[in-house]
């Protein structure tokens, strides 16, 4: 039984966004798309969230992660929520 919920795109724009990632084949293509789509600050923020999830999976404490990444424990808690109770996206990419 899957412990994660599934997110359903709300409209055609969200479906198009999700499908857009399927067209990318290499790390560089994904990096280029992310840079065109997001600001540098957004890329840094999303990278930080993924790193928080990676460190949580390794068993680091919320406080240690917050200190290491210079974020609040509240931010780590939000990331942990989606890691452990979200749609399984973090789980998929961290395997």
Protein backbone atom coordinates (compact mmCIF):
# COMPACT_ATOMS: atom_id res chain seq x y z
CA UNK A 1 0.00 0.00 0.00
CA UNK A 2 1.35 3.42 -0.96
CA UNK A 3 1.66 5.65 2.10
CA UNK A 4 1.79 8.78 -0.04
CA UNK A 5 -1.05 10.77 -1.52
CA UNK A 6 -0.99 11.69 -5.20
CA UNK A 7 -1.14 15.28 -6.35
CA UNK A 8 -3.37 15.84 -9.33
CA UNK A 9 -2.58 18.86 -11.50
CA UNK A 10 -5.39 21.38 -11.13
CA UNK A 11 -5.44 22.54 -14.73
CA UNK A 12 -3.86 22.17 -18.15
CA UNK A 13 -1.03 24.58 -17.26
CA UNK A 14 0.05 22.41 -14.33
CA UNK A 15 -0.20 19.27 -16.49
CA UNK A 16 1.96 20.95 -19.13
CA UNK A 17 4.56 21.89 -16.51
CA UNK A 18 4.74 18.31 -15.20
CA UNK A 19 4.96 16.86 -18.71
CA UNK A 20 7.69 19.36 -19.61
CA UNK A 21 10.14 17.63 -17.28
CA UNK A 22 9.58 14.34 -19.11
CA UNK A 23 11.04 15.86 -22.28
CA UNK A 24 14.41 16.51 -20.62
CA UNK A 25 17.03 13.82 -20.99
CA UNK A 26 20.22 15.08 -19.36
CA UNK A 27 21.27 16.86 -16.19
CA UNK A 28 22.31 19.85 -18.29
CA UNK A 29 18.92 20.02 -20.04
CA UNK A 30 17.18 20.01 -16.64
CA UNK A 31 19.58 22.65 -15.30
CA UNK A 32 18.96 24.85 -18.35
CA UNK A 33 15.19 24.47 -18.04
CA UNK A 34 15.27 25.26 -14.31
CA UNK A 35 17.34 28.38 -14.97
CA UNK A 36 14.94 29.56 -17.67
CA UNK A 37 11.93 28.83 -15.46
CA UNK A 38 13.17 30.02 -12.06
CA UNK A 39 15.20 32.82 -10.56
CA UNK A 40 18.62 32.04 -9.10
CA UNK A 41 17.12 32.56 -5.63
CA UNK A 42 14.33 30.06 -6.37
CA UNK A 43 16.85 27.49 -7.61
CA UNK A 44 18.86 27.97 -4.42
CA UNK A 45 15.71 27.61 -2.29
CA UNK A 46 14.57 24.43 -4.03
CA UNK A 47 18.09 23.00 -3.85
CA UNK A 48 18.10 23.74 -0.12
CA UNK A 49 14.79 21.92 0.35
CA UNK A 50 16.11 18.85 -1.43
CA UNK A 51 19.28 18.94 0.67
CA UNK A 52 17.13 19.18 3.83
CA UNK A 53 15.21 16.10 2.72
CA UNK A 54 18.46 14.25 1.98
CA UNK A 55 19.86 15.09 5.41
CA UNK A 56 16.59 14.13 7.12
CA UNK A 57 16.73 10.74 5.38
CA UNK A 58 20.29 10.33 6.69
CA UNK A 59 18.95 10.85 10.22
CA UNK A 60 20.35 14.28 11.07
CA UNK A 61 18.39 16.25 13.66
CA UNK A 62 16.24 19.19 12.66
CA UNK A 63 18.49 21.47 14.70
CA UNK A 64 21.68 20.18 13.03
CA UNK A 65 20.15 20.61 9.57
CA UNK A 66 18.93 24.12 10.39
CA UNK A 67 22.39 25.10 11.57
CA UNK A 68 24.19 23.48 8.62
CA UNK A 69 21.92 25.07 5.99
CA UNK A 70 21.33 28.35 7.84
CA UNK A 71 17.56 27.97 7.92
CA UNK A 72 15.02 27.86 10.74
CA UNK A 73 13.90 24.61 12.32
CA UNK A 74 10.41 25.57 11.12
CA UNK A 75 11.66 25.36 7.53
CA UNK A 76 13.17 21.94 8.23
CA UNK A 77 9.89 20.85 9.82
CA UNK A 78 7.92 21.88 6.73
CA UNK A 79 10.30 19.96 4.49
CA UNK A 80 10.06 16.93 6.79
CA UNK A 81 6.28 17.06 6.56
CA UNK A 82 6.40 16.75 2.76
CA UNK A 83 9.18 14.16 2.90
CA UNK A 84 7.28 11.85 5.25
CA UNK A 85 3.64 12.70 4.52
CA UNK A 86 3.65 14.20 1.04
CA UNK A 87 3.26 12.72 -2.43
CA UNK A 88 6.45 10.66 -2.50
CA UNK A 89 8.38 13.01 -4.77
CA UNK A 90 11.30 13.41 -2.40
CA UNK A 91 11.38 9.65 -1.81
CA UNK A 92 11.53 9.01 -5.56
CA UNK A 93 14.46 11.32 -6.25
CA UNK A 94 16.40 10.40 -3.11
CA UNK A 95 16.49 6.67 -3.94
